[in-house]
């Protein structure tokens, strides 16, 4: 048995997190979720199931909604990541999706909310004017233990409407 099989080697991984260039020294087999929460202290991204089923750990990687518990940190080298902490607008205001969740009261315990918001953001980046059915399909992999689904869908549709009015699509 060689020495390399007994000792885990650390790697340098560099990526952009919420518009800030981050360089971390990590073990390559660590998940992005672990690095975000433990190394970088961004605790808005939640650990739910650890097997990619609940969506609580959803972040955007290069504008694609991704389960951070299912991706190794070494796989995000040179990529751009957005967590819930990076959603606010440059002026400090809540993003329209966040505002819609608050206004519609689309949360109860709030545990799933960051993942829901990031998944909704990814959905609206691909489809700025979804139908209710398209939102249902786009959000079906995010679980809400409190059952706030109707309000979550309403919030996403309201946010889409507001974003489209601002952009004048």
N, C-alpha and C. Protein backbone atom coordinates (compact mmCIF):
# COMPACT_ATOMS: atom_id res chain seq x y z
N UNK A 1 0.84 -1.17 0.00
CA UNK A 1 0.00 0.00 0.00
C UNK A 1 0.89 1.24 0.00
N UNK A 2 0.62 2.14 -0.91
CA UNK A 2 1.43 3.35 -0.99
C UNK A 2 0.97 4.38 0.04
N UNK A 3 1.81 5.32 0.30
CA UNK A 3 1.49 6.38 1.25
C UNK A 3 0.29 7.20 0.77
N UNK A 4 0.15 7.39 -0.52
CA UNK A 4 -0.95 8.19 -1.07
C UNK A 4 -2.32 7.57 -0.83
N UNK A 5 -2.40 6.26 -0.69
CA UNK A 5 -3.70 5.64 -0.45
C UNK A 5 -4.14 5.80 0.99
N UNK A 6 -3.25 6.11 1.88
CA UNK A 6 -3.57 6.27 3.29
C UNK A 6 -3.81 7.72 3.69
N UNK A 7 -3.29 8.65 2.93
CA UNK A 7 -3.37 10.06 3.29
C UNK A 7 -4.19 10.81 2.25
N UNK A 8 -5.20 11.50 2.73
CA UNK A 8 -5.99 12.34 1.83
C UNK A 8 -5.20 13.62 1.57
N UNK A 9 -5.15 14.00 0.32
CA UNK A 9 -4.43 15.21 -0.05
C UNK A 9 -5.42 16.36 -0.20
N UNK A 10 -5.03 17.52 0.26
CA UNK A 10 -5.87 18.70 0.09
C UNK A 10 -5.61 19.31 -1.28
N UNK A 11 -6.62 19.99 -1.78
CA UNK A 11 -6.54 20.65 -3.08
C UNK A 11 -6.95 22.11 -2.92
N UNK A 12 -6.44 22.92 -3.79
CA UNK A 12 -6.86 24.32 -3.86
C UNK A 12 -7.99 24.41 -4.88
N UNK A 13 -9.11 24.96 -4.46
CA UNK A 13 -10.25 25.15 -5.35
C UNK A 13 -10.59 26.63 -5.34
N UNK A 14 -10.78 27.18 -6.52
CA UNK A 14 -11.09 28.60 -6.66
C UNK A 14 -12.40 28.73 -7.42
N UNK A 15 -13.31 29.54 -6.89
CA UNK A 15 -14.58 29.78 -7.54
C UNK A 15 -15.12 31.13 -7.09
N UNK A 16 -16.14 31.58 -7.76
CA UNK A 16 -16.78 32.84 -7.40
C UNK A 16 -18.04 32.50 -6.61
N UNK A 17 -18.13 33.03 -5.39
CA UNK A 17 -19.29 32.80 -4.54
C UNK A 17 -19.94 34.14 -4.25
N UNK A 18 -21.15 34.31 -4.73
CA UNK A 18 -21.89 35.56 -4.51
C UNK A 18 -21.06 36.78 -4.92
N UNK A 19 -20.45 36.67 -6.10
CA UNK A 19 -19.64 37.72 -6.71
C UNK A 19 -18.31 37.99 -6.01
N UNK A 20 -17.88 37.09 -5.15
CA UNK A 20 -16.58 37.22 -4.48
C UNK A 20 -15.72 36.02 -4.86
N UNK A 21 -14.50 36.29 -5.30
CA UNK A 21 -13.60 35.19 -5.64
C UNK A 21 -13.14 34.53 -4.35
N UNK A 22 -13.32 33.22 -4.30
CA UNK A 22 -12.99 32.42 -3.13
C UNK A 22 -11.93 31.40 -3.50
N UNK A 23 -10.94 31.25 -2.66
CA UNK A 23 -9.95 30.20 -2.81
C UNK A 23 -9.94 29.42 -1.49
N UNK A 24 -10.18 28.13 -1.58
CA UNK A 24 -10.19 27.30 -0.38
C UNK A 24 -9.28 26.09 -0.58
N UNK A 25 -8.71 25.66 0.51
CA UNK A 25 -7.92 24.44 0.50
C UNK A 25 -8.77 23.37 1.17
N UNK A 26 -9.16 22.38 0.39
CA UNK A 26 -10.11 21.37 0.86
C UNK A 26 -9.71 19.99 0.39
N UNK A 27 -10.33 19.01 0.99
CA UNK A 27 -10.21 17.65 0.47
C UNK A 27 -11.14 17.57 -0.73
N UNK A 28 -10.70 17.00 -1.81
CA UNK A 28 -11.48 16.96 -3.05
C UNK A 28 -12.78 16.21 -2.95
N UNK A 29 -12.90 15.32 -1.96
CA UNK A 29 -14.13 14.53 -1.86
C UNK A 29 -15.17 15.18 -0.95
N UNK A 30 -14.95 16.43 -0.57
CA UNK A 30 -15.94 17.14 0.23
C UNK A 30 -17.00 17.75 -0.68
N UNK A 31 -18.22 17.79 -0.20
CA UNK A 31 -19.29 18.35 -1.02
C UNK A 31 -19.25 19.87 -0.97
N UNK A 32 -19.83 20.46 -1.98
CA UNK A 32 -19.95 21.92 -2.01
C UNK A 32 -20.73 22.40 -0.79
N UNK A 33 -21.77 21.68 -0.40
CA UNK A 33 -22.56 22.05 0.77
C UNK A 33 -21.68 22.15 2.02
N UNK A 34 -20.84 21.16 2.23
CA UNK A 34 -19.95 21.17 3.39
C UNK A 34 -19.03 22.38 3.36
N UNK A 35 -18.48 22.68 2.21
CA UNK A 35 -17.56 23.81 2.10
C UNK A 35 -18.30 25.13 2.32
N UNK A 36 -19.47 25.28 1.72
CA UNK A 36 -20.24 26.51 1.89
C UNK A 36 -20.58 26.74 3.36
N UNK A 37 -21.07 25.71 4.02
CA UNK A 37 -21.53 25.86 5.40
C UNK A 37 -20.38 25.86 6.41
N UNK A 38 -19.43 24.96 6.25
CA UNK A 38 -18.40 24.78 7.27
C UNK A 38 -17.19 25.67 7.06
N UNK A 39 -16.66 25.69 5.85
CA UNK A 39 -15.46 26.48 5.59
C UNK A 39 -15.78 27.96 5.43
N UNK A 40 -16.93 28.26 4.77
CA UNK A 40 -17.22 29.65 4.41
C UNK A 40 -18.32 30.29 5.27
N UNK A 41 -18.89 29.52 6.19
CA UNK A 41 -19.88 30.01 7.15
C UNK A 41 -21.09 30.67 6.50
N UNK A 42 -21.51 30.14 5.37
CA UNK A 42 -22.74 30.61 4.70
C UNK A 42 -23.81 29.58 5.03
N UNK A 43 -24.54 29.83 6.11
CA UNK A 43 -25.45 28.81 6.63
C UNK A 43 -26.88 28.91 6.09
N UNK A 44 -27.11 29.82 5.15
CA UNK A 44 -28.43 29.89 4.52
C UNK A 44 -28.71 28.66 3.68
N UNK A 45 -27.69 28.07 3.12
CA UNK A 45 -27.84 26.83 2.36
C UNK A 45 -27.98 25.71 3.37
N UNK A 46 -29.10 25.01 3.33
CA UNK A 46 -29.43 24.04 4.38
C UNK A 46 -29.04 22.62 4.03
N UNK A 47 -28.69 21.86 5.06
CA UNK A 47 -28.50 20.41 4.92
C UNK A 47 -29.86 19.78 5.24
N UNK A 48 -30.43 19.12 4.25
CA UNK A 48 -31.71 18.46 4.47
C UNK A 48 -31.54 16.96 4.54
N UNK A 49 -31.43 16.35 3.39
CA UNK A 49 -31.37 14.89 3.33
C UNK A 49 -29.98 14.35 3.04
N UNK A 50 -29.14 15.12 2.38
CA UNK A 50 -27.79 14.67 2.04
C UNK A 50 -27.72 13.74 0.85
N UNK A 51 -28.87 13.49 0.20
CA UNK A 51 -28.88 12.58 -0.95
C UNK A 51 -29.58 13.20 -2.17
N UNK A 52 -29.70 14.52 -2.18
CA UNK A 52 -30.23 15.22 -3.35
C UNK A 52 -31.72 15.08 -3.57
N UNK A 53 -32.48 14.70 -2.56
CA UNK A 53 -33.90 14.47 -2.74
C UNK A 53 -34.80 15.64 -2.30
N UNK A 54 -34.34 16.48 -1.38
CA UNK A 54 -35.24 17.47 -0.80
C UNK A 54 -35.09 18.87 -1.38
N UNK A 55 -33.92 19.22 -1.88
CA UNK A 55 -33.70 20.53 -2.47
C UNK A 55 -33.35 21.63 -1.49
N UNK A 56 -33.24 21.33 -0.20
CA UNK A 56 -32.92 22.37 0.79
C UNK A 56 -31.54 22.98 0.56
N UNK A 57 -30.66 22.24 -0.08
CA UNK A 57 -29.28 22.70 -0.29
C UNK A 57 -29.06 23.31 -1.67
N UNK A 58 -30.13 23.64 -2.37
CA UNK A 58 -30.01 24.15 -3.74
C UNK A 58 -29.27 25.48 -3.78
N UNK A 59 -28.33 25.55 -4.70
CA UNK A 59 -27.60 26.79 -5.03
C UNK A 59 -27.62 26.91 -6.55
N UNK A 60 -27.19 28.04 -7.05
CA UNK A 60 -27.02 28.19 -8.50
C UNK A 60 -25.54 28.03 -8.82
N UNK A 61 -25.24 27.17 -9.76
CA UNK A 61 -23.88 27.03 -10.28
C UNK A 61 -23.94 27.39 -11.75
N UNK A 62 -23.27 28.48 -12.10
CA UNK A 62 -23.36 29.02 -13.47
C UNK A 62 -24.82 29.15 -13.90
N UNK A 63 -25.63 29.70 -13.01
CA UNK A 63 -27.06 29.98 -13.21
C UNK A 63 -27.93 28.74 -13.37
N UNK A 64 -27.44 27.59 -12.95
CA UNK A 64 -28.20 26.34 -13.01
C UNK A 64 -28.47 25.87 -11.58
N UNK A 65 -29.75 25.68 -11.23
CA UNK A 65 -30.09 25.19 -9.90
C UNK A 65 -29.47 23.80 -9.71
N UNK A 66 -28.72 23.65 -8.61
CA UNK A 66 -27.97 22.42 -8.36
C UNK A 66 -28.03 22.08 -6.88
N UNK A 67 -28.16 20.80 -6.58
CA UNK A 67 -28.13 20.31 -5.20
C UNK A 67 -26.67 20.31 -4.73
N UNK A 68 -26.34 21.17 -3.80
CA UNK A 68 -24.95 21.30 -3.37
C UNK A 68 -24.47 20.10 -2.55
N UNK A 69 -25.39 19.27 -2.06
CA UNK A 69 -24.97 18.07 -1.32
C UNK A 69 -24.53 16.96 -2.27
N UNK A 70 -24.80 17.12 -3.56
CA UNK A 70 -24.50 16.08 -4.53
C UNK A 70 -23.32 16.39 -5.43
N UNK A 71 -22.69 17.55 -5.22
CA UNK A 71 -21.58 17.92 -6.09
C UNK A 71 -20.32 18.09 -5.25
N UNK A 72 -19.25 17.52 -5.73
CA UNK A 72 -17.98 17.66 -5.03
C UNK A 72 -17.44 19.06 -5.26
N UNK A 73 -16.80 19.62 -4.25
CA UNK A 73 -16.30 20.98 -4.34
C UNK A 73 -15.26 21.11 -5.46
N UNK A 74 -14.49 20.07 -5.71
CA UNK A 74 -13.50 20.15 -6.78
C UNK A 74 -14.17 20.32 -8.15
N UNK A 75 -15.44 19.97 -8.26
CA UNK A 75 -16.15 20.10 -9.53
C UNK A 75 -16.66 21.52 -9.79
N UNK A 76 -16.51 22.42 -8.82
CA UNK A 76 -16.93 23.80 -9.03
C UNK A 76 -15.76 24.74 -9.26
N UNK A 77 -14.57 24.17 -9.43
CA UNK A 77 -13.39 24.99 -9.70
C UNK A 77 -13.67 25.89 -10.91
N UNK A 78 -13.41 27.19 -10.73
CA UNK A 78 -13.60 28.21 -11.78
C UNK A 78 -15.05 28.41 -12.20
N UNK A 79 -15.99 28.08 -11.34
CA UNK A 79 -17.40 28.30 -11.65
C UNK A 79 -17.95 29.41 -10.77
N UNK A 80 -19.16 29.84 -11.10
CA UNK A 80 -19.82 30.90 -10.35
C UNK A 80 -21.00 30.32 -9.57
N UNK A 81 -21.02 30.60 -8.27
CA UNK A 81 -22.04 30.04 -7.39
C UNK A 81 -22.79 31.17 -6.72
N UNK A 82 -24.10 31.00 -6.61
CA UNK A 82 -24.93 31.95 -5.87
C UNK A 82 -25.67 31.16 -4.80
N UNK A 83 -25.58 31.65 -3.56
CA UNK A 83 -26.35 31.10 -2.45
C UNK A 83 -27.41 32.13 -2.07
N UNK A 84 -28.24 31.80 -1.11
CA UNK A 84 -29.28 32.73 -0.68
C UNK A 84 -28.67 34.04 -0.17
N UNK A 85 -27.47 33.97 0.39
CA UNK A 85 -26.81 35.18 0.88
C UNK A 85 -26.43 36.12 -0.26
N UNK A 86 -26.36 35.61 -1.48
CA UNK A 86 -25.99 36.42 -2.63
C UNK A 86 -27.17 36.88 -3.46
N UNK A 87 -28.38 36.65 -2.99
CA UNK A 87 -29.57 36.99 -3.77
C UNK A 87 -29.96 38.47 -3.70
N UNK A 88 -29.61 39.14 -2.63
CA UNK A 88 -30.08 40.52 -2.51
C UNK A 88 -29.53 41.38 -3.65
N UNK A 89 -30.23 42.44 -3.93
CA UNK A 89 -29.84 43.35 -5.00
C UNK A 89 -28.64 44.19 -4.57
N UNK A 90 -27.92 44.78 -5.53
CA UNK A 90 -26.74 45.59 -5.18
C UNK A 90 -27.03 46.72 -4.19
N UNK A 91 -28.25 47.24 -4.19
CA UNK A 91 -28.59 48.31 -3.26
C UNK A 91 -28.99 47.79 -1.88
N UNK A 92 -28.90 46.47 -1.68
CA UNK A 92 -29.20 45.88 -0.38
C UNK A 92 -30.64 45.42 -0.21
N UNK A 93 -31.49 45.74 -1.17
CA UNK A 93 -32.88 45.31 -1.09
C UNK A 93 -32.99 43.82 -1.41
N UNK A 94 -34.08 43.23 -0.93
CA UNK A 94 -34.35 41.84 -1.26
C UNK A 94 -34.60 41.70 -2.76
N UNK A 95 -34.19 40.58 -3.30
CA UNK A 95 -34.48 40.24 -4.69
C UNK A 95 -36.00 40.10 -4.82
N UNK A 96 -36.59 40.42 -5.98
CA UNK A 96 -38.04 40.28 -6.14
C UNK A 96 -38.58 38.90 -5.78
N UNK A 97 -37.82 37.85 -5.98
CA UNK A 97 -38.29 36.52 -5.58
C UNK A 97 -38.37 36.43 -4.06
N UNK A 98 -37.37 36.95 -3.38
CA UNK A 98 -37.40 36.95 -1.91
C UNK A 98 -38.57 37.79 -1.39
N UNK A 99 -38.76 38.97 -1.99
CA UNK A 99 -39.87 39.84 -1.58
C UNK A 99 -41.21 39.15 -1.78
N UNK A 100 -41.36 38.47 -2.90
CA UNK A 100 -42.62 37.78 -3.18
C UNK A 100 -42.88 36.68 -2.15
N UNK A 101 -41.85 35.96 -1.74
CA UNK A 101 -42.03 34.92 -0.72
C UNK A 101 -42.51 35.53 0.59
N UNK A 102 -41.98 36.71 0.94
CA UNK A 102 -42.40 37.39 2.17
C UNK A 102 -43.83 37.90 2.02
N UNK A 103 -44.12 38.59 0.92
CA UNK A 103 -45.43 39.20 0.72
C UNK A 103 -46.56 38.17 0.64
N UNK A 104 -46.29 37.03 0.02
CA UNK A 104 -47.30 35.98 -0.14
C UNK A 104 -47.33 35.07 1.09
N UNK A 105 -46.36 35.23 1.99
CA UNK A 105 -46.23 34.37 3.16
C UNK A 105 -46.03 32.92 2.72
N UNK A 106 -45.06 32.75 1.81
CA UNK A 106 -44.80 31.44 1.20
C UNK A 106 -43.83 30.60 2.02
N UNK A 107 -43.92 30.74 3.32
CA UNK A 107 -43.05 29.94 4.18
C UNK A 107 -43.74 29.78 5.52
N UNK A 108 -43.38 28.71 6.18
CA UNK A 108 -43.83 28.54 7.56
C UNK A 108 -42.60 28.41 8.43
N UNK A 109 -41.96 27.26 8.42
CA UNK A 109 -40.77 27.12 9.26
C UNK A 109 -39.56 27.79 8.60
N UNK A 110 -39.56 27.91 7.27
CA UNK A 110 -38.49 28.59 6.55
C UNK A 110 -37.29 27.73 6.19
N UNK A 111 -37.27 26.48 6.64
CA UNK A 111 -36.11 25.64 6.39
C UNK A 111 -35.88 25.40 4.90
N UNK A 112 -36.94 25.16 4.15
CA UNK A 112 -36.80 24.88 2.71
C UNK A 112 -36.68 26.14 1.88
N UNK A 113 -36.98 27.28 2.45
CA UNK A 113 -37.10 28.53 1.69
C UNK A 113 -35.86 28.90 0.89
N UNK A 114 -34.65 28.86 1.44
CA UNK A 114 -33.50 29.21 0.61
C UNK A 114 -33.38 28.34 -0.65
N UNK A 115 -33.56 27.05 -0.50
CA UNK A 115 -33.50 26.15 -1.66
C UNK A 115 -34.63 26.41 -2.64
N UNK A 116 -35.81 26.70 -2.12
CA UNK A 116 -36.96 27.03 -2.98
C UNK A 116 -36.66 28.29 -3.79
N UNK A 117 -36.15 29.31 -3.12
CA UNK A 117 -35.87 30.58 -3.79
C UNK A 117 -34.81 30.41 -4.87
N UNK A 118 -33.74 29.67 -4.57
CA UNK A 118 -32.69 29.46 -5.56
C UNK A 118 -33.19 28.63 -6.73
N UNK A 119 -34.00 27.62 -6.46
CA UNK A 119 -34.56 26.82 -7.55
C UNK A 119 -35.49 27.68 -8.40
N UNK A 120 -36.30 28.51 -7.74
CA UNK A 120 -37.20 29.41 -8.47
C UNK A 120 -36.40 30.39 -9.33
N UNK A 121 -35.30 30.90 -8.79
CA UNK A 121 -34.45 31.82 -9.54
C UNK A 121 -33.90 31.13 -10.79
N UNK A 122 -33.41 29.91 -10.62
CA UNK A 122 -32.92 29.15 -11.78
C UNK A 122 -34.02 28.92 -12.81
N UNK A 123 -35.21 28.63 -12.33
CA UNK A 123 -36.36 28.43 -13.22
C UNK A 123 -36.68 29.70 -14.00
N UNK A 124 -36.71 30.84 -13.31
CA UNK A 124 -37.06 32.10 -13.97
C UNK A 124 -35.95 32.60 -14.90
N UNK A 125 -34.73 32.21 -14.64
CA UNK A 125 -33.65 32.55 -15.58
C UNK A 125 -33.85 31.82 -16.92
N UNK A 126 -34.35 30.60 -16.85
CA UNK A 126 -34.61 29.81 -18.06
C UNK A 126 -35.93 30.17 -18.72
N UNK A 127 -36.92 30.47 -17.88
CA UNK A 127 -38.28 30.72 -18.36
C UNK A 127 -38.84 31.90 -17.58
N UNK A 128 -38.66 33.12 -18.08
CA UNK A 128 -39.06 34.31 -17.33
C UNK A 128 -40.57 34.48 -17.13
N UNK A 129 -41.38 33.78 -17.91
CA UNK A 129 -42.83 33.92 -17.79
C UNK A 129 -43.50 32.55 -17.77
N UNK A 130 -43.23 31.77 -16.73
CA UNK A 130 -43.79 30.42 -16.69
C UNK A 130 -45.29 30.42 -16.37
N UNK A 131 -45.94 29.37 -16.83
CA UNK A 131 -47.32 29.14 -16.43
C UNK A 131 -47.31 28.49 -15.06
N UNK A 132 -48.47 28.40 -14.44
CA UNK A 132 -48.57 27.73 -13.14
C UNK A 132 -48.07 26.28 -13.26
N UNK A 133 -48.46 25.61 -14.33
CA UNK A 133 -48.04 24.22 -14.56
C UNK A 133 -46.52 24.12 -14.70
N UNK A 134 -45.91 25.06 -15.40
CA UNK A 134 -44.45 25.05 -15.57
C UNK A 134 -43.74 25.28 -14.24
N UNK A 135 -44.32 26.11 -13.38
CA UNK A 135 -43.74 26.32 -12.05
C UNK A 135 -43.87 25.03 -11.23
N UNK A 136 -45.03 24.40 -11.29
CA UNK A 136 -45.22 23.13 -10.58
C UNK A 136 -44.18 22.10 -10.99
N UNK A 137 -43.97 21.97 -12.28
CA UNK A 137 -43.00 21.01 -12.79
C UNK A 137 -41.58 21.43 -12.40
N UNK A 138 -41.28 22.71 -12.52
CA UNK A 138 -39.94 23.20 -12.22
C UNK A 138 -39.56 23.11 -10.75
N UNK A 139 -40.58 23.10 -9.89
CA UNK A 139 -40.32 23.08 -8.45
C UNK A 139 -40.58 21.73 -7.80
N UNK A 140 -40.92 20.72 -8.59
CA UNK A 140 -41.36 19.45 -8.01
C UNK A 140 -40.29 18.71 -7.22
N UNK A 141 -39.04 19.04 -7.41
CA UNK A 141 -37.98 18.35 -6.67
C UNK A 141 -37.60 19.05 -5.37
N UNK A 142 -38.26 20.14 -5.04
CA UNK A 142 -38.03 20.81 -3.76
C UNK A 142 -39.18 20.46 -2.82
N UNK A 143 -38.84 19.94 -1.66
CA UNK A 143 -39.85 19.52 -0.69
C UNK A 143 -40.03 20.57 0.40
N UNK A 144 -41.28 20.78 0.76
CA UNK A 144 -41.63 21.67 1.87
C UNK A 144 -42.37 20.82 2.89
N UNK A 145 -41.76 20.65 4.04
CA UNK A 145 -42.38 19.82 5.08
C UNK A 145 -43.66 20.44 5.63
N UNK A 146 -43.79 21.76 5.52
CA UNK A 146 -44.97 22.44 6.05
C UNK A 146 -46.12 22.46 5.06
N UNK A 147 -45.86 22.15 3.81
CA UNK A 147 -46.93 22.09 2.81
C UNK A 147 -47.38 23.43 2.29
N UNK A 148 -46.48 24.38 2.14
CA UNK A 148 -46.82 25.73 1.67
C UNK A 148 -46.80 25.84 0.14
N UNK A 149 -47.02 24.75 -0.55
CA UNK A 149 -46.82 24.72 -1.99
C UNK A 149 -47.63 25.74 -2.78
N UNK A 150 -48.90 25.90 -2.46
CA UNK A 150 -49.71 26.86 -3.23
C UNK A 150 -49.18 28.27 -3.10
N UNK A 151 -48.79 28.66 -1.89
CA UNK A 151 -48.24 30.00 -1.69
C UNK A 151 -46.87 30.15 -2.34
N UNK A 152 -46.08 29.08 -2.34
CA UNK A 152 -44.77 29.11 -3.00
C UNK A 152 -44.96 29.34 -4.50
N UNK A 153 -45.88 28.63 -5.09
CA UNK A 153 -46.15 28.78 -6.52
C UNK A 153 -46.65 30.19 -6.81
N UNK A 154 -47.57 30.67 -5.97
CA UNK A 154 -48.08 32.04 -6.15
C UNK A 154 -46.96 33.07 -6.05
N UNK A 155 -46.06 32.87 -5.11
CA UNK A 155 -44.93 33.81 -4.94
C UNK A 155 -44.04 33.81 -6.17
N UNK A 156 -43.77 32.65 -6.72
CA UNK A 156 -42.91 32.57 -7.91
C UNK A 156 -43.59 33.24 -9.10
N UNK A 157 -44.88 33.02 -9.26
CA UNK A 157 -45.61 33.66 -10.37
C UNK A 157 -45.65 35.18 -10.18
N UNK A 158 -45.83 35.65 -8.95
CA UNK A 158 -45.81 37.10 -8.69
C UNK A 158 -44.43 37.69 -8.97
N UNK A 159 -43.40 36.97 -8.55
CA UNK A 159 -42.03 37.45 -8.81
C UNK A 159 -41.76 37.51 -10.30
N UNK A 160 -42.19 36.50 -11.04
CA UNK A 160 -42.00 36.49 -12.49
C UNK A 160 -42.69 37.70 -13.12
N UNK A 161 -43.90 37.98 -12.67
CA UNK A 161 -44.64 39.12 -13.20
C UNK A 161 -43.90 40.43 -12.90
N UNK A 162 -43.43 40.59 -11.67
CA UNK A 162 -42.71 41.81 -11.30
C UNK A 162 -41.41 41.94 -12.10
N UNK A 163 -40.67 40.86 -12.21
CA UNK A 163 -39.41 40.90 -12.96
C UNK A 163 -39.66 41.24 -14.43
N UNK A 164 -40.71 40.69 -15.01
CA UNK A 164 -41.03 40.97 -16.41
C UNK A 164 -41.49 42.42 -16.61
N UNK A 165 -42.19 42.97 -15.62
CA UNK A 165 -42.60 44.37 -15.72
C UNK A 165 -41.40 45.30 -15.63
N UNK A 166 -40.44 44.96 -14.79
CA UNK A 166 -39.24 45.79 -14.65
C UNK A 166 -38.39 45.74 -15.90
N UNK A 167 -38.31 44.56 -16.52
CA UNK A 167 -37.48 44.39 -17.71
C UNK A 167 -38.25 44.78 -18.96
N UNK A 168 -39.57 44.83 -18.86
CA UNK A 168 -40.45 45.17 -19.99
C UNK A 168 -40.29 44.16 -21.13
N UNK A 169 -40.44 42.90 -20.77
CA UNK A 169 -40.34 41.83 -21.78
C UNK A 169 -41.54 41.87 -22.69
